[in-house]
Amino acid sequence: MAEPTYVSHITIERIKGSLRRAILPSESQPVLFGVHDEVAQHYRATPGAYEPHATTLDYVVASAAG
């Protein structure tokens, strides 16, 4: 079996509730993941209860579209 070409080393830290901080390669600043109202509504959370941040799903969709 061949050796991996690349291994991504990341760190994820849960801040509060759905808010997480990710340390990603080649990024000078941490990336925040969370929820925004449309996603919070799906999970029956009160709209505006969370400071809006992109979800991990938003990043997956953006990377697949690129």
C-alpha atoms as a PDB file:
ATOM      1  CA  MET A   1       0.000   0.000   0.000  1.00  0.00           C
ATOM      2  CA  ALA A   2       1.358   3.434  -0.941  1.00  0.00           C
ATOM      3  CA  GLU A   3       2.224   6.047   1.644  1.00  0.00           C
ATOM      4  CA  PRO A   4      -0.227   8.971   1.973  1.00  0.00           C
ATOM      5  CA  THR A   5       0.627  11.944  -0.193  1.00  0.00           C
ATOM      6  CA  TYR A   6      -0.650  14.417   2.368  1.00  0.00           C
ATOM      7  CA  VAL A   7      -1.881  14.284   5.955  1.00  0.00           C
ATOM      8  CA  SER A   8      -3.801  17.310   7.199  1.00  0.00           C
ATOM      9  CA  HIS A   9      -3.019  18.219  10.805  1.00  0.00           C
ATOM     10  CA  ILE A  10      -5.834  20.261  12.351  1.00  0.00           C
ATOM     11  CA  THR A  11      -7.006  21.112  15.827  1.00  0.00           C
ATOM     12  CA  ILE A  12     -10.659  21.649  16.758  1.00  0.00           C
ATOM     13  CA  GLU A  13     -11.650  23.271  20.046  1.00  0.00           C
ATOM     14  CA  ARG A  14     -15.266  23.496  21.240  1.00  0.00           C
ATOM     15  CA  ILE A  15     -15.844  27.023  22.532  1.00  0.00           C
ATOM     16  CA  LYS A  16     -19.516  27.017  23.555  1.00  0.00           C
ATOM     17  CA  GLY A  17     -22.554  25.210  22.225  1.00  0.00           C
ATOM     18  CA  SER A  18     -22.104  24.758  18.488  1.00  0.00           C
ATOM     19  CA  LEU A  19     -19.218  27.248  18.245  1.00  0.00           C
ATOM     20  CA  ARG A  20     -15.863  25.621  17.428  1.00  0.00           C
ATOM     21  CA  ARG A  21     -12.428  27.022  16.624  1.00  0.00           C
ATOM     22  CA  ALA A  22     -10.324  25.206  14.046  1.00  0.00           C
ATOM     23  CA  ILE A  23      -6.617  25.630  13.475  1.00  0.00           C
ATOM     24  CA  LEU A  24      -6.035  24.784   9.818  1.00  0.00           C
ATOM     25  CA  PRO A  25      -2.846  24.457   7.771  1.00  0.00           C
ATOM     26  CA  SER A  26      -1.841  27.573   5.815  1.00  0.00           C
ATOM     27  CA  GLU A  27      -4.334  29.803   7.655  1.00  0.00           C
ATOM     28  CA  SER A  28      -2.813  32.574   9.751  1.00  0.00           C
ATOM     29  CA  GLN A  29      -5.948  32.922  11.891  1.00  0.00           C
ATOM     30  CA  PRO A  30      -8.240  30.293  13.445  1.00  0.00           C
ATOM     31  CA  VAL A  31     -11.436  29.509  11.543  1.00  0.00           C
ATOM     32  CA  LEU A  32     -14.709  29.623  13.486  1.00  0.00           C
ATOM     33  CA  PHE A  33     -17.456  27.116  12.747  1.00  0.00           C
ATOM     34  CA  GLY A  34     -20.942  27.391  14.148  1.00  0.00           C
ATOM     35  CA  VAL A  35     -24.474  27.837  12.922  1.00  0.00           C
ATOM     36  CA  HIS A  36     -26.491  30.570  11.317  1.00  0.00           C
ATOM     37  CA  ASP A  37     -30.256  31.105  11.609  1.00  0.00           C
ATOM     38  CA  GLU A  38     -31.240  28.762   8.771  1.00  0.00           C
ATOM     39  CA  VAL A  39     -29.340  25.860  10.329  1.00  0.00           C
ATOM     40  CA  ALA A  40     -30.332  26.770  13.893  1.00  0.00           C
ATOM     41  CA  GLN A  41     -33.981  26.707  12.798  1.00  0.00           C
ATOM     42  CA  HIS A  42     -33.538  23.163  11.434  1.00  0.00           C
ATOM     43  CA  TYR A  43     -32.358  22.065  14.884  1.00  0.00           C
ATOM     44  CA  ARG A  44     -35.228  23.981  16.509  1.00  0.00           C
ATOM     45  CA  ALA A  45     -32.899  26.449  18.192  1.00  0.00           C
ATOM     46  CA  THR A  46     -34.131  29.966  18.793  1.00  0.00           C
ATOM     47  CA  PRO A  47     -33.239  32.241  15.841  1.00  0.00           C
ATOM     48  CA  GLY A  48     -30.605  34.757  16.893  1.00  0.00           C
ATOM     49  CA  ALA A  49     -29.553  32.613  19.864  1.00  0.00           C
ATOM     50  CA  TYR A  50     -26.113  32.054  18.341  1.00  0.00           C
ATOM     51  CA  GLU A  51     -23.586  34.427  16.843  1.00  0.00           C
ATOM     52  CA  PRO A  52     -23.767  33.428  13.160  1.00  0.00           C
ATOM     53  CA  HIS A  53     -20.826  31.546  11.670  1.00  0.00           C
ATOM     54  CA  ALA A  54     -20.523  29.259   8.661  1.00  0.00           C
ATOM     55  CA  THR A  55     -21.208  25.603   9.350  1.00  0.00           C
ATOM     56  CA  THR A  56     -18.893  22.763   8.464  1.00  0.00           C
ATOM     57  CA  LEU A  57     -21.472  21.867   5.786  1.00  0.00           C
ATOM     58  CA  ASP A  58     -21.011  25.333   4.247  1.00  0.00           C
ATOM     59  CA  TYR A  59     -17.269  24.633   3.925  1.00  0.00           C
ATOM     60  CA  VAL A  60     -17.876  21.181   2.389  1.00  0.00           C
ATOM     61  CA  VAL A  61     -20.253  22.653  -0.209  1.00  0.00           C
ATOM     62  CA  ALA A  62     -17.814  25.477  -0.995  1.00  0.00           C
ATOM     63  CA  SER A  63     -14.913  23.069  -1.433  1.00  0.00           C
ATOM     64  CA  ALA A  64     -16.925  20.757  -3.698  1.00  0.00           C
ATOM     65  CA  ALA A  65     -18.087  23.701  -5.826  1.00  0.00           C
ATOM     66  CA  GLY A  66     -14.561  25.022  -6.274  1.00  0.00           C
END
